Amino acid sequence: MIFGPVPVNQATGAVLAHSVPLPDGRLRKGKVLAAADVARLEDAGVATVLVARLETGDVGEDAAAEQLARALVPDAAAAGLRLSKAATGRVNIFADCLGVAEIEAAKIDAINAVHPMITVATVPQWQRMGLRGMVATVKIISYAVPGAALERTCVLGQDALRMRRVAVSRARLIQTFVEPEDGVKGQKAIGDRLDRLGVALDDICLVRHDTQALAAAIMASRAQAILILTASATSDICDVAPEALRVAGGDVVHYGMPVDPGNLLFFGTLRAAPVIGLPGCARSPALNGADWVMERLLCGVPVTPRDIAGMGVGGLLKEIPTRPRPREG
């Protein structure tokens, strides 16, 4: 692409780089100048204009953005995504279902390293998405890009984006108590989280903070996912809640995470259903580490101890107001 000023009488077919006010209106930035446009400029006494002129092998911004977007998402329906029409060198990619965004970061990084005028921006990996939430945007910064560079990005970015749909429809929250309580606060906080994913929450289930009592409640549940919120914080992998899961016949996969708030989380499985031991901060609506784990597991995304270990960078979250021992105090 050639960019720079040209005499108006040589501007036919070029892309106008900046809007030009005229006595009878305005020629807007990005317009491909036709002979009639050039005539209007000449009548207004404009001598030169700043334009972009495509060279052999260049691809215009809208065509380039659409081509790259379709490489990123070859089958939008299968990926749970929707692509907007190209405009001003941009195609936006939206979630067409509830779930989390699966993004192959290495492919996105590779695209963005090919040519500075070819860009893709996305939400963070495994971001929870509502319907019509924007997952990514493809933006061609200039008016055209070399076809060879575009072709390279399409190869590197093939099938890099998709949604992981919610895999469960119903969950159970089991809360333990030391002193009598109604469990409403915990039920509401977790219910609101699940509602954002379209997952129904069973009625309140309260049991004594005791290994055998909790194990019986876990075994009795037939929900597709089990969440446990204990009256007393889980302070060891052999504490009441993880031990209750083992007694119920389940497995504990991991305890603890480098995310604050949210350190005291554990998770495992029972009869192939995810079981998540929530930290006390889950009673607050504020974001905590349990949200990241719960959202992935409810969408059928495996979570490993290595995944948890990688959450530390970016894992210092906003402190909840009700924290018993504030970070500063």
C-alpha atoms as a PDB file:
ATOM      1  CA  MET A   1       0.000   0.000   0.000  1.00  0.00           C
ATOM      2  CA  ILE A   2       1.227   3.486  -0.883  1.00  0.00           C
ATOM      3  CA  PHE A   3       0.237   6.223   1.553  1.00  0.00           C
ATOM      4  CA  GLY A   4       0.689   9.929   1.064  1.00  0.00           C
ATOM      5  CA  PRO A   5      -0.565  13.144  -0.589  1.00  0.00           C
ATOM      6  CA  VAL A   6      -1.544  13.192  -4.261  1.00  0.00           C
ATOM      7  CA  PRO A   7      -2.944  15.863  -6.557  1.00  0.00           C
ATOM      8  CA  VAL A   8      -6.712  15.702  -6.596  1.00  0.00           C
ATOM      9  CA  ASN A   9      -6.794  14.977 -10.342  1.00  0.00           C
ATOM     10  CA  GLN A  10      -4.819  11.767  -9.670  1.00  0.00           C
ATOM     11  CA  ALA A  11      -6.918  10.547  -6.698  1.00  0.00           C
ATOM     12  CA  THR A  12      -9.620   8.543  -8.483  1.00  0.00           C
ATOM     13  CA  GLY A  13      -9.747   5.015  -7.018  1.00  0.00           C
ATOM     14  CA  ALA A  14      -7.661   5.923  -3.954  1.00  0.00           C
ATOM     15  CA  VAL A  15      -8.881   5.634  -0.355  1.00  0.00           C
ATOM     16  CA  LEU A  16      -9.344   8.947   1.408  1.00  0.00           C
ATOM     17  CA  ALA A  17      -7.231   9.005   4.576  1.00  0.00           C
ATOM     18  CA  HIS A  18      -8.967  11.938   6.316  1.00  0.00           C
ATOM     19  CA  SER A  19     -12.420  13.443   6.069  1.00  0.00           C
ATOM     20  CA  VAL A  20     -12.624  16.536   3.870  1.00  0.00           C
ATOM     21  CA  PRO A  21     -15.325  19.169   4.524  1.00  0.00           C
ATOM     22  CA  LEU A  22     -16.915  20.584   1.375  1.00  0.00           C
ATOM     23  CA  PRO A  23     -19.435  23.374   0.790  1.00  0.00           C
ATOM     24  CA  ASP A  24     -22.120  20.793  -0.046  1.00  0.00           C
ATOM     25  CA  GLY A  25     -21.254  18.247   2.619  1.00  0.00           C
ATOM     26  CA  ARG A  26     -18.288  16.057   3.560  1.00  0.00           C
ATOM     27  CA  LEU A  27     -16.217  13.255   2.053  1.00  0.00           C
ATOM     28  CA  ARG A  28     -15.555  10.830   4.847  1.00  0.00           C
ATOM     29  CA  LYS A  29     -12.362   9.034   5.792  1.00  0.00           C
ATOM     30  CA  GLY A  30     -12.089   5.605   4.187  1.00  0.00           C
ATOM     31  CA  LYS A  31     -14.133   6.465   1.105  1.00  0.00           C
ATOM     32  CA  VAL A  32     -12.870   5.145  -2.210  1.00  0.00           C
ATOM     33  CA  LEU A  33     -12.840   8.260  -4.342  1.00  0.00           C
ATOM     34  CA  ALA A  34     -14.901   8.077  -7.500  1.00  0.00           C
ATOM     35  CA  ALA A  35     -14.685  10.497 -10.422  1.00  0.00           C
ATOM     36  CA  ALA A  36     -17.668  12.419  -9.029  1.00  0.00           C
ATOM     37  CA  ASP A  37     -15.895  12.815  -5.683  1.00  0.00           C
ATOM     38  CA  VAL A  38     -12.787  14.152  -7.397  1.00  0.00           C
ATOM     39  CA  ALA A  39     -14.946  16.647  -9.267  1.00  0.00           C
ATOM     40  CA  ARG A  40     -16.469  17.883  -5.999  1.00  0.00           C
ATOM     41  CA  LEU A  41     -12.996  18.337  -4.531  1.00  0.00           C
ATOM     42  CA  GLU A  42     -11.817  20.262  -7.573  1.00  0.00           C
ATOM     43  CA  ASP A  43     -14.920  22.474  -7.504  1.00  0.00           C
ATOM     44  CA  ALA A  44     -14.163  23.267  -3.857  1.00  0.00           C
ATOM     45  CA  GLY A  45     -10.617  24.314  -4.741  1.00  0.00           C
ATOM     46  CA  VAL A  46      -8.893  21.397  -2.982  1.00  0.00           C
ATOM     47  CA  ALA A  47      -5.505  20.836  -4.613  1.00  0.00           C
ATOM     48  CA  THR A  48      -4.210  17.707  -2.859  1.00  0.00           C
ATOM     49  CA  VAL A  49      -5.603  14.961  -0.655  1.00  0.00           C
ATOM     50  CA  LEU A  50      -3.979  12.409   1.641  1.00  0.00           C
ATOM     51  CA  VAL A  51      -4.835   8.931   0.384  1.00  0.00           C
ATOM     52  CA  ALA A  52      -3.959   5.243   0.500  1.00  0.00           C
ATOM     53  CA  ARG A  53      -3.461   3.438  -2.813  1.00  0.00           C
ATOM     54  CA  LEU A  54      -3.516  -0.331  -3.033  1.00  0.00           C
ATOM     55  CA  GLU A  55      -0.639  -2.085  -4.743  1.00  0.00           C
ATOM     56  CA  THR A  56      -0.696  -5.368  -6.623  1.00  0.00           C
ATOM     57  CA  GLY A  57      -1.336  -8.166  -4.134  1.00  0.00           C
ATOM     58  CA  ASP A  58      -2.892  -5.938  -1.470  1.00  0.00           C
ATOM     59  CA  VAL A  59      -6.234  -6.892   0.111  1.00  0.00           C
ATOM     60  CA  GLY A  60      -8.665  -4.191   1.205  1.00  0.00           C
ATOM     61  CA  GLU A  61      -9.384  -3.792   4.907  1.00  0.00           C
ATOM     62  CA  ASP A  62     -12.916  -5.219   5.003  1.00  0.00           C
ATOM     63  CA  ALA A  63     -12.122  -8.221   2.816  1.00  0.00           C
ATOM     64  CA  ALA A  64      -8.978  -8.901   4.863  1.00  0.00           C
ATOM     65  CA  ALA A  65     -10.794  -8.690   8.205  1.00  0.00           C
ATOM     66  CA  GLU A  66     -13.520 -11.036   7.010  1.00  0.00           C
ATOM     67  CA  GLN A  67     -11.035 -13.525   5.604  1.00  0.00           C
ATOM     68  CA  LEU A  68      -9.061 -13.688   8.844  1.00  0.00           C
ATOM     69  CA  ALA A  69     -12.192 -13.899  11.011  1.00  0.00           C
ATOM     70  CA  ARG A  70     -13.429 -16.872   8.988  1.00  0.00           C
ATOM     71  CA  ALA A  71     -10.075 -18.571   9.418  1.00  0.00           C
ATOM     72  CA  LEU A  72     -10.272 -18.069  13.181  1.00  0.00           C
ATOM     73  CA  VAL A  73     -13.840 -19.426  13.206  1.00  0.00           C
ATOM     74  CA  PRO A  74     -14.382 -21.727  10.201  1.00  0.00           C
ATOM     75  CA  ASP A  75     -17.728 -23.039  11.505  1.00  0.00           C
ATOM     76  CA  ALA A  76     -19.389 -20.370  13.638  1.00  0.00           C
ATOM     77  CA  ALA A  77     -22.436 -22.461  14.578  1.00  0.00           C
ATOM     78  CA  ALA A  78     -20.322 -25.383  15.776  1.00  0.00           C
ATOM     79  CA  ALA A  79     -18.045 -23.003  17.695  1.00  0.00           C
ATOM     80  CA  GLY A  80     -20.961 -21.276  19.419  1.00  0.00           C
ATOM     81  CA  LEU A  81     -19.915 -17.934  17.933  1.00  0.00           C
ATOM     82  CA  ARG A  82     -21.325 -15.289  15.593  1.00  0.00           C
ATOM     83  CA  LEU A  83     -19.342 -13.039  13.247  1.00  0.00           C
ATOM     84  CA  SER A  84     -20.405  -9.480  12.462  1.00  0.00           C
ATOM     85  CA  LYS A  85     -20.245  -7.990   8.993  1.00  0.00           C
ATOM     86  CA  ALA A  86     -16.945  -6.347   8.134  1.00  0.00           C
ATOM     87  CA  ALA A  87     -16.880  -2.561   8.440  1.00  0.00           C
ATOM     88  CA  THR A  88     -13.982  -0.098   8.616  1.00  0.00           C
ATOM     89  CA  GLY A  89     -11.567  -3.027   8.617  1.00  0.00           C
ATOM     90  CA  ARG A  90     -13.172  -4.721  11.609  1.00  0.00           C
ATOM     91  CA  VAL A  91     -15.068  -7.946  12.277  1.00  0.00           C
ATOM     92  CA  ASN A  92     -16.374  -8.551  15.798  1.00  0.00           C
ATOM     93  CA  ILE A  93     -16.873 -12.095  17.090  1.00  0.00           C
ATOM     94  CA  PHE A  94     -19.665 -12.679  19.623  1.00  0.00           C
ATOM     95  CA  ALA A  95     -20.701 -15.535  21.894  1.00  0.00           C
ATOM     96  CA  ASP A  96     -23.845 -17.247  20.631  1.00  0.00           C
ATOM     97  CA  CYS A  97     -24.273 -19.410  23.735  1.00  0.00           C
ATOM     98  CA  LEU A  98     -23.576 -19.373  27.472  1.00  0.00           C
ATOM     99  CA  GLY A  99     -20.204 -20.717  28.506  1.00  0.00           C
ATOM    100  CA  VAL A 100     -16.512 -19.865  28.605  1.00  0.00           C
ATOM    101  CA  ALA A 101     -14.288 -18.705  25.761  1.00  0.00           C
ATOM    102  CA  GLU A 102     -11.639 -21.165  24.620  1.00  0.00           C
ATOM    103  CA  ILE A 103      -8.795 -19.275  22.981  1.00  0.00           C
ATOM    104  CA  GLU A 104      -5.632 -20.788  21.562  1.00  0.00           C
ATOM    105  CA  ALA A 105      -3.340 -18.020  22.764  1.00  0.00           C
ATOM    106  CA  ALA A 106      -0.285 -19.211  20.842  1.00  0.00           C
ATOM    107  CA  LYS A 107      -2.195 -18.856  17.579  1.00  0.00           C
ATOM    108  CA  ILE A 108      -3.390 -15.344  18.448  1.00  0.00           C
ATOM    109  CA  ASP A 109       0.152 -14.341  19.407  1.00  0.00           C
ATOM    110  CA  ALA A 110       1.468 -15.739  16.126  1.00  0.00           C
ATOM    111  CA  ILE A 111      -1.080 -13.751  14.107  1.00  0.00           C
ATOM    112  CA  ASN A 112      -0.202 -10.506  15.860  1.00  0.00           C
ATOM    113  CA  ALA A 113       3.501 -11.028  15.132  1.00  0.00           C
ATOM    114  CA  VAL A 114       3.100 -11.317  11.341  1.00  0.00           C
ATOM    115  CA  HIS A 115       2.285  -7.749  10.322  1.00  0.00           C
ATOM    116  CA  PRO A 116       1.644  -4.728  12.566  1.00  0.00           C
ATOM    117  CA  MET A 117      -1.481  -3.757  10.615  1.00  0.00           C
ATOM    118  CA  ILE A 118      -3.155  -7.161  11.125  1.00  0.00           C
ATOM    119  CA  THR A 119      -4.467  -7.496  14.686  1.00  0.00           C
ATOM    120  CA  VAL A 120      -6.688  -9.745  16.781  1.00  0.00           C
ATOM    121  CA  ALA A 121      -7.748  -8.893  20.333  1.00  0.00           C
ATOM    122  CA  THR A 122      -9.638 -11.316  22.589  1.00  0.00           C
ATOM    123  CA  VAL A 123     -11.028 -11.610  26.087  1.00  0.00           C
ATOM    124  CA  PRO A 124      -8.859 -13.592  28.546  1.00  0.00           C
ATOM    125  CA  GLN A 125      -8.697 -17.357  28.143  1.00  0.00           C
ATOM    126  CA  TRP A 126     -11.700 -19.115  29.752  1.00  0.00           C
ATOM    127  CA  GLN A 127     -13.578 -15.836  30.288  1.00  0.00           C
ATOM    128  CA  ARG A 128     -17.236 -16.473  31.168  1.00  0.00           C
ATOM    129  CA  MET A 129     -19.405 -15.120  28.371  1.00  0.00           C
ATOM    130  CA  GLY A 130     -23.042 -14.136  28.286  1.00  0.00           C
ATOM    131  CA  LEU A 131     -25.116 -14.251  25.138  1.00  0.00           C
ATOM    132  CA  ARG A 132     -23.889 -11.701  22.588  1.00  0.00           C
ATOM    133  CA  GLY A 133     -20.781 -10.922  24.641  1.00  0.00           C
ATOM    134  CA  MET A 134     -17.830  -9.964  22.443  1.00  0.00           C
ATOM    135  CA  VAL A 135     -15.174 -12.683  22.471  1.00  0.00           C
ATOM    136  CA  ALA A 136     -12.750 -11.168  19.959  1.00  0.00           C
ATOM    137  CA  THR A 137     -12.277  -8.430  17.384  1.00  0.00           C
ATOM    138  CA  VAL A 138     -10.292  -8.631  14.176  1.00  0.00           C
ATOM    139  CA  LYS A 139      -9.018  -5.217  13.120  1.00  0.00           C
ATOM    140  CA  ILE A 140      -7.052  -4.278  10.020  1.00  0.00           C
ATOM    141  CA  ILE A 141      -5.482  -1.013  11.133  1.00  0.00           C
ATOM    142  CA  SER A 142      -4.575   0.328   7.697  1.00  0.00           C
ATOM    143  CA  TYR A 143      -6.751   0.451   4.588  1.00  0.00           C
ATOM    144  CA  ALA A 144      -5.159  -2.630   3.056  1.00  0.00           C
ATOM    145  CA  VAL A 145      -2.559  -5.257   3.883  1.00  0.00           C
ATOM    146  CA  PRO A 146      -0.252  -7.421   1.761  1.00  0.00           C
ATOM    147  CA  GLY A 147      -2.040 -10.562   0.616  1.00  0.00           C
ATOM    148  CA  ALA A 148       0.913 -12.757   1.540  1.00  0.00           C
ATOM    149  CA  ALA A 149       0.859 -11.517   5.143  1.00  0.00           C
ATOM    150  CA  LEU A 150      -2.896 -12.051   5.354  1.00  0.00           C
ATOM    151  CA  GLU A 151      -2.584 -15.571   3.983  1.00  0.00           C
ATOM    152  CA  ARG A 152       0.083 -16.330   6.586  1.00  0.00           C
ATOM    153  CA  THR A 153      -2.110 -15.150   9.462  1.00  0.00           C
ATOM    154  CA  CYS A 154      -5.036 -17.225   8.201  1.00  0.00           C
ATOM    155  CA  VAL A 155      -2.872 -20.350   8.279  1.00  0.00           C
ATOM    156  CA  LEU A 156      -1.464 -19.585  11.733  1.00  0.00           C
ATOM    157  CA  GLY A 157      -4.845 -18.719  13.259  1.00  0.00           C
ATOM    158  CA  GLN A 158      -6.908 -21.559  11.845  1.00  0.00           C
ATOM    159  CA  ASP A 159      -9.739 -22.554  14.215  1.00  0.00           C
ATOM    160  CA  ALA A 160      -8.285 -20.627  17.179  1.00  0.00           C
ATOM    161  CA  LEU A 161     -11.562 -19.544  18.809  1.00  0.00           C
ATOM    162  CA  ARG A 162     -14.592 -21.374  20.164  1.00  0.00           C
ATOM    163  CA  MET A 163     -17.013 -21.393  23.047  1.00  0.00           C
ATOM    164  CA  ARG A 164     -17.187 -24.198  25.568  1.00  0.00           C
ATOM    165  CA  ARG A 165     -20.878 -24.475  26.292  1.00  0.00           C
ATOM    166  CA  VAL A 166     -22.254 -25.092  29.772  1.00  0.00           C
ATOM    167  CA  ALA A 167     -22.250 -28.860  30.271  1.00  0.00           C
ATOM    168  CA  VAL A 168     -24.589 -29.167  33.267  1.00  0.00           C
ATOM    169  CA  SER A 169     -28.126 -27.960  33.855  1.00  0.00           C
ATOM    170  CA  ARG A 170     -28.497 -28.531  37.604  1.00  0.00           C
ATOM    171  CA  ALA A 171     -26.247 -28.233  40.650  1.00  0.00           C
ATOM    172  CA  ARG A 172     -26.557 -28.731  44.391  1.00  0.00           C
ATOM    173  CA  LEU A 173     -25.028 -26.519  47.067  1.00  0.00           C
ATOM    174  CA  ILE A 174     -24.417 -28.274  50.383  1.00  0.00           C
ATOM    175  CA  GLN A 175     -23.726 -25.927  53.284  1.00  0.00           C
ATOM    176  CA  THR A 176     -22.475 -26.975  56.695  1.00  0.00           C
ATOM    177  CA  PHE A 177     -23.246 -25.228  59.975  1.00  0.00           C
ATOM    178  CA  VAL A 178     -21.768 -25.109  63.452  1.00  0.00           C
ATOM    179  CA  GLU A 179     -24.456 -22.847  64.849  1.00  0.00           C
ATOM    180  CA  PRO A 180     -28.001 -22.899  63.412  1.00  0.00           C
ATOM    181  CA  GLU A 181     -28.461 -20.743  60.302  1.00  0.00           C
ATOM    182  CA  ASP A 182     -30.818 -20.581  57.329  1.00  0.00           C
ATOM    183  CA  GLY A 183     -28.197 -20.798  54.562  1.00  0.00           C
ATOM    184  CA  VAL A 184     -29.932 -18.081  52.530  1.00  0.00           C
ATOM    185  CA  LYS A 185     -26.859 -15.876  52.045  1.00  0.00           C
ATOM    186  CA  GLY A 186     -24.730 -18.661  50.620  1.00  0.00           C
ATOM    187  CA  GLN A 187     -27.595 -19.959  48.480  1.00  0.00           C
ATOM    188  CA  LYS A 188     -28.195 -16.545  46.942  1.00  0.00           C
ATOM    189  CA  ALA A 189     -24.537 -15.812  46.217  1.00  0.00           C
ATOM    190  CA  ILE A 190     -23.994 -19.165  44.510  1.00  0.00           C
ATOM    191  CA  GLY A 191     -27.397 -19.104  42.839  1.00  0.00           C
ATOM    192  CA  ASP A 192     -26.611 -15.757  41.235  1.00  0.00           C
ATOM    193  CA  ARG A 193     -23.330 -17.133  39.884  1.00  0.00           C
ATOM    194  CA  LEU A 194     -25.006 -20.209  38.431  1.00  0.00           C
ATOM    195  CA  ASP A 195     -27.841 -18.184  36.960  1.00  0.00           C
ATOM    196  CA  ARG A 196     -25.338 -16.339  34.764  1.00  0.00           C
ATOM    197  CA  LEU A 197     -24.499 -19.721  33.230  1.00  0.00           C
ATOM    198  CA  GLY A 198     -28.095 -20.909  32.999  1.00  0.00           C
ATOM    199  CA  VAL A 199     -27.564 -23.609  35.653  1.00  0.00           C
ATOM    200  CA  ALA A 200     -30.409 -24.342  38.101  1.00  0.00           C
ATOM    201  CA  LEU A 201     -29.600 -24.674  41.803  1.00  0.00           C
ATOM    202  CA  ASP A 202     -31.402 -27.223  44.000  1.00  0.00           C
ATOM    203  CA  ASP A 203     -33.148 -26.173  47.211  1.00  0.00           C
ATOM    204  CA  ILE A 204     -31.116 -25.244  50.283  1.00  0.00           C
ATOM    205  CA  CYS A 205     -29.278 -28.194  51.849  1.00  0.00           C
ATOM    206  CA  LEU A 206     -27.858 -27.659  55.356  1.00  0.00           C
ATOM    207  CA  VAL A 207     -25.952 -30.288  57.357  1.00  0.00           C
ATOM    208  CA  ARG A 208     -23.829 -30.284  60.508  1.00  0.00           C
ATOM    209  CA  HIS A 209     -20.145 -29.473  60.071  1.00  0.00           C
ATOM    210  CA  ASP A 210     -19.197 -33.091  60.494  1.00  0.00           C
ATOM    211  CA  THR A 211     -17.445 -35.490  58.135  1.00  0.00           C
ATOM    212  CA  GLN A 212     -20.051 -38.250  58.250  1.00  0.00           C
ATOM    213  CA  ALA A 213     -23.035 -35.904  57.961  1.00  0.00           C
ATOM    214  CA  LEU A 214     -21.504 -34.111  55.015  1.00  0.00           C
ATOM    215  CA  ALA A 215     -20.488 -37.389  53.343  1.00  0.00           C
ATOM    216  CA  ALA A 216     -24.080 -38.625  53.578  1.00  0.00           C
ATOM    217  CA  ALA A 217     -25.367 -35.454  51.918  1.00  0.00           C
ATOM    218  CA  ILE A 218     -22.774 -35.737  49.160  1.00  0.00           C
ATOM    219  CA  MET A 219     -23.673 -39.383  48.491  1.00  0.00           C
ATOM    220  CA  ALA A 220     -27.390 -38.541  48.395  1.00  0.00           C
ATOM    221  CA  SER A 221     -27.013 -35.893  45.708  1.00  0.00           C
ATOM    222  CA  ARG A 222     -27.724 -36.775  42.101  1.00  0.00           C
ATOM    223  CA  ALA A 223     -27.001 -33.299  40.760  1.00  0.00           C
ATOM    224  CA  GLN A 224     -24.631 -32.919  37.824  1.00  0.00           C
ATOM    225  CA  ALA A 225     -22.334 -30.768  39.968  1.00  0.00           C
ATOM    226  CA  ILE A 226     -21.927 -30.524  43.740  1.00  0.00           C
ATOM    227  CA  LEU A 227     -20.742 -27.388  45.521  1.00  0.00           C
ATOM    228  CA  ILE A 228     -19.769 -27.391  49.194  1.00  0.00           C
ATOM    229  CA  LEU A 229     -19.686 -24.290  51.378  1.00  0.00           C
ATOM    230  CA  THR A 230     -18.491 -24.989  54.908  1.00  0.00           C
ATOM    231  CA  ALA A 231     -19.204 -23.053  58.094  1.00  0.00           C
ATOM    232  CA  SER A 232     -15.551 -23.359  59.076  1.00  0.00           C
ATOM    233  CA  ALA A 233     -12.822 -22.738  56.499  1.00  0.00           C
ATOM    234  CA  THR A 234     -11.164 -25.769  54.930  1.00  0.00           C
ATOM    235  CA  SER A 235      -7.620 -25.461  56.245  1.00  0.00           C
ATOM    236  CA  ASP A 236      -6.092 -28.763  55.080  1.00  0.00           C
ATOM    237  CA  ILE A 237      -6.609 -31.409  52.428  1.00  0.00           C
ATOM    238  CA  CYS A 238      -7.672 -33.754  55.229  1.00  0.00           C
ATOM    239  CA  ASP A 239     -10.142 -31.302  56.780  1.00  0.00           C
ATOM    240  CA  VAL A 240     -13.862 -32.067  57.134  1.00  0.00           C
ATOM    241  CA  ALA A 241     -15.064 -31.307  53.600  1.00  0.00           C
ATOM    242  CA  PRO A 242     -12.336 -33.004  51.520  1.00  0.00           C
ATOM    243  CA  GLU A 243     -12.424 -35.993  53.852  1.00  0.00           C
ATOM    244  CA  ALA A 244     -16.212 -36.169  53.491  1.00  0.00           C
ATOM    245  CA  LEU A 245     -15.829 -36.350  49.722  1.00  0.00           C
ATOM    246  CA  ARG A 246     -13.463 -39.303  50.088  1.00  0.00           C
ATOM    247  CA  VAL A 247     -15.814 -41.052  52.536  1.00  0.00           C
ATOM    248  CA  ALA A 248     -18.621 -40.564  49.994  1.00  0.00           C
ATOM    249  CA  GLY A 249     -16.547 -42.450  47.429  1.00  0.00           C
ATOM    250  CA  GLY A 250     -15.210 -39.467  45.543  1.00  0.00           C
ATOM    251  CA  ASP A 251     -11.702 -38.243  44.786  1.00  0.00           C
ATOM    252  CA  VAL A 252      -9.988 -35.009  45.796  1.00  0.00           C
ATOM    253  CA  VAL A 253      -7.959 -33.666  42.857  1.00  0.00           C
ATOM    254  CA  HIS A 254      -6.443 -30.548  44.406  1.00  0.00           C
ATOM    255  CA  TYR A 255      -6.529 -28.288  47.451  1.00  0.00           C
ATOM    256  CA  GLY A 256      -5.434 -24.638  47.619  1.00  0.00           C
ATOM    257  CA  MET A 257      -4.843 -22.036  44.936  1.00  0.00           C
ATOM    258  CA  PRO A 258      -2.581 -18.987  44.416  1.00  0.00           C
ATOM    259  CA  VAL A 259      -5.565 -16.652  44.011  1.00  0.00           C
ATOM    260  CA  ASP A 260      -6.649 -14.218  46.692  1.00  0.00           C
ATOM    261  CA  PRO A 261      -9.488 -14.161  47.675  1.00  0.00           C
ATOM    262  CA  GLY A 262     -10.017 -17.849  47.062  1.00  0.00           C
ATOM    263  CA  ASN A 263      -6.980 -19.634  48.544  1.00  0.00           C
ATOM    264  CA  LEU A 264      -8.965 -22.241  50.489  1.00  0.00           C
ATOM    265  CA  LEU A 265     -10.591 -24.053  47.582  1.00  0.00           C
ATOM    266  CA  PHE A 266     -10.547 -27.751  46.794  1.00  0.00           C
ATOM    267  CA  PHE A 267     -12.116 -29.732  44.007  1.00  0.00           C
ATOM    268  CA  GLY A 268     -12.584 -33.332  42.991  1.00  0.00           C
ATOM    269  CA  THR A 269     -15.088 -35.724  41.469  1.00  0.00           C
ATOM    270  CA  LEU A 270     -17.875 -38.087  42.483  1.00  0.00           C
ATOM    271  CA  ARG A 271     -19.432 -40.425  39.915  1.00  0.00           C
ATOM    272  CA  ALA A 272     -17.839 -38.279  37.165  1.00  0.00           C
ATOM    273  CA  ALA A 273     -19.586 -35.151  38.504  1.00  0.00           C
ATOM    274  CA  PRO A 274     -17.414 -32.189  39.566  1.00  0.00           C
ATOM    275  CA  VAL A 275     -17.335 -31.453  43.291  1.00  0.00           C
ATOM    276  CA  ILE A 276     -16.051 -28.039  44.357  1.00  0.00           C
ATOM    277  CA  GLY A 277     -15.272 -27.066  47.925  1.00  0.00           C
ATOM    278  CA  LEU A 278     -15.831 -23.321  47.951  1.00  0.00           C
ATOM    279  CA  PRO A 279     -13.839 -20.852  50.051  1.00  0.00           C
ATOM    280  CA  GLY A 280     -15.792 -18.669  52.474  1.00  0.00           C
ATOM    281  CA  CYS A 281     -15.373 -15.646  50.201  1.00  0.00           C
ATOM    282  CA  ALA A 282     -17.860 -17.286  47.816  1.00  0.00           C
ATOM    283  CA  ARG A 283     -20.607 -15.917  50.089  1.00  0.00           C
ATOM    284  CA  SER A 284     -19.730 -12.511  48.637  1.00  0.00           C
ATOM    285  CA  PRO A 285     -20.799 -11.659  45.080  1.00  0.00           C
ATOM    286  CA  ALA A 286     -17.291 -10.317  44.377  1.00  0.00           C
ATOM    287  CA  LEU A 287     -15.015 -12.224  41.994  1.00  0.00           C
ATOM    288  CA  ASN A 288     -12.809 -14.829  43.672  1.00  0.00           C
ATOM    289  CA  GLY A 289     -10.668 -17.759  42.619  1.00  0.00           C
ATOM    290  CA  ALA A 290     -13.537 -20.215  42.955  1.00  0.00           C
ATOM    291  CA  ASP A 291     -15.337 -18.474  40.090  1.00  0.00           C
ATOM    292  CA  TRP A 292     -12.535 -19.350  37.679  1.00  0.00           C
ATOM    293  CA  VAL A 293     -12.557 -23.014  38.679  1.00  0.00           C
ATOM    294  CA  MET A 294     -16.329 -23.395  38.933  1.00  0.00           C
ATOM    295  CA  GLU A 295     -17.032 -21.780  35.552  1.00  0.00           C
ATOM    296  CA  ARG A 296     -14.570 -24.039  33.758  1.00  0.00           C
ATOM    297  CA  LEU A 297     -15.744 -27.241  35.409  1.00  0.00           C
ATOM    298  CA  LEU A 298     -19.414 -26.450  34.759  1.00  0.00           C
ATOM    299  CA  CYS A 299     -18.500 -26.048  31.084  1.00  0.00           C
ATOM    300  CA  GLY A 300     -16.727 -29.399  30.958  1.00  0.00           C
ATOM    301  CA  VAL A 301     -13.253 -27.875  30.825  1.00  0.00           C
ATOM    302  CA  PRO A 302     -10.752 -30.054  32.736  1.00  0.00           C
ATOM    303  CA  VAL A 303      -8.852 -28.256  35.502  1.00  0.00           C
ATOM    304  CA  THR A 304      -5.544 -29.708  36.680  1.00  0.00           C
ATOM    305  CA  PRO A 305      -3.222 -28.819  39.566  1.00  0.00           C
ATOM    306  CA  ARG A 306      -0.911 -27.314  36.928  1.00  0.00           C
ATOM    307  CA  ASP A 307      -3.739 -25.076  35.750  1.00  0.00           C
ATOM    308  CA  ILE A 308      -4.273 -23.901  39.319  1.00  0.00           C
ATOM    309  CA  ALA A 309      -0.560 -23.225  39.753  1.00  0.00           C
ATOM    310  CA  GLY A 310      -0.666 -20.970  36.696  1.00  0.00           C
ATOM    311  CA  MET A 311      -3.354 -18.693  38.140  1.00  0.00           C
ATOM    312  CA  GLY A 312      -1.034 -16.761  40.430  1.00  0.00           C
ATOM    313  CA  VAL A 313      -0.125 -14.032  37.937  1.00  0.00           C
ATOM    314  CA  GLY A 314      -3.301 -11.965  37.830  1.00  0.00           C
ATOM    315  CA  GLY A 315      -4.605 -13.826  40.856  1.00  0.00           C
ATOM    316  CA  LEU A 316      -4.459 -10.906  43.286  1.00  0.00           C
ATOM    317  CA  LEU A 317      -8.104  -9.875  43.106  1.00  0.00           C
ATOM    318  CA  LYS A 318     -10.021  -7.082  44.761  1.00  0.00           C
ATOM    319  CA  GLU A 319     -10.458  -7.672  48.475  1.00  0.00           C
ATOM    320  CA  ILE A 320     -13.999  -8.386  49.670  1.00  0.00           C
ATOM    321  CA  PRO A 321     -15.354  -5.933  52.303  1.00  0.00           C
ATOM    322  CA  THR A 322     -16.392  -8.718  54.699  1.00  0.00           C
ATOM    323  CA  ARG A 323     -12.946 -10.347  54.915  1.00  0.00           C
ATOM    324  CA  PRO A 324     -12.313 -11.398  58.550  1.00  0.00           C
ATOM    325  CA  ARG A 325      -8.599 -10.520  58.376  1.00  0.00           C
ATOM    326  CA  PRO A 326      -8.004  -7.702  55.861  1.00  0.00           C
ATOM    327  CA  ARG A 327      -4.688  -7.585  53.979  1.00  0.00           C
ATOM    328  CA  GLU A 328      -3.944  -4.273  55.676  1.00  0.00           C
ATOM    329  CA  GLY A 329      -4.991  -3.789  59.267  1.00  0.00           C
END
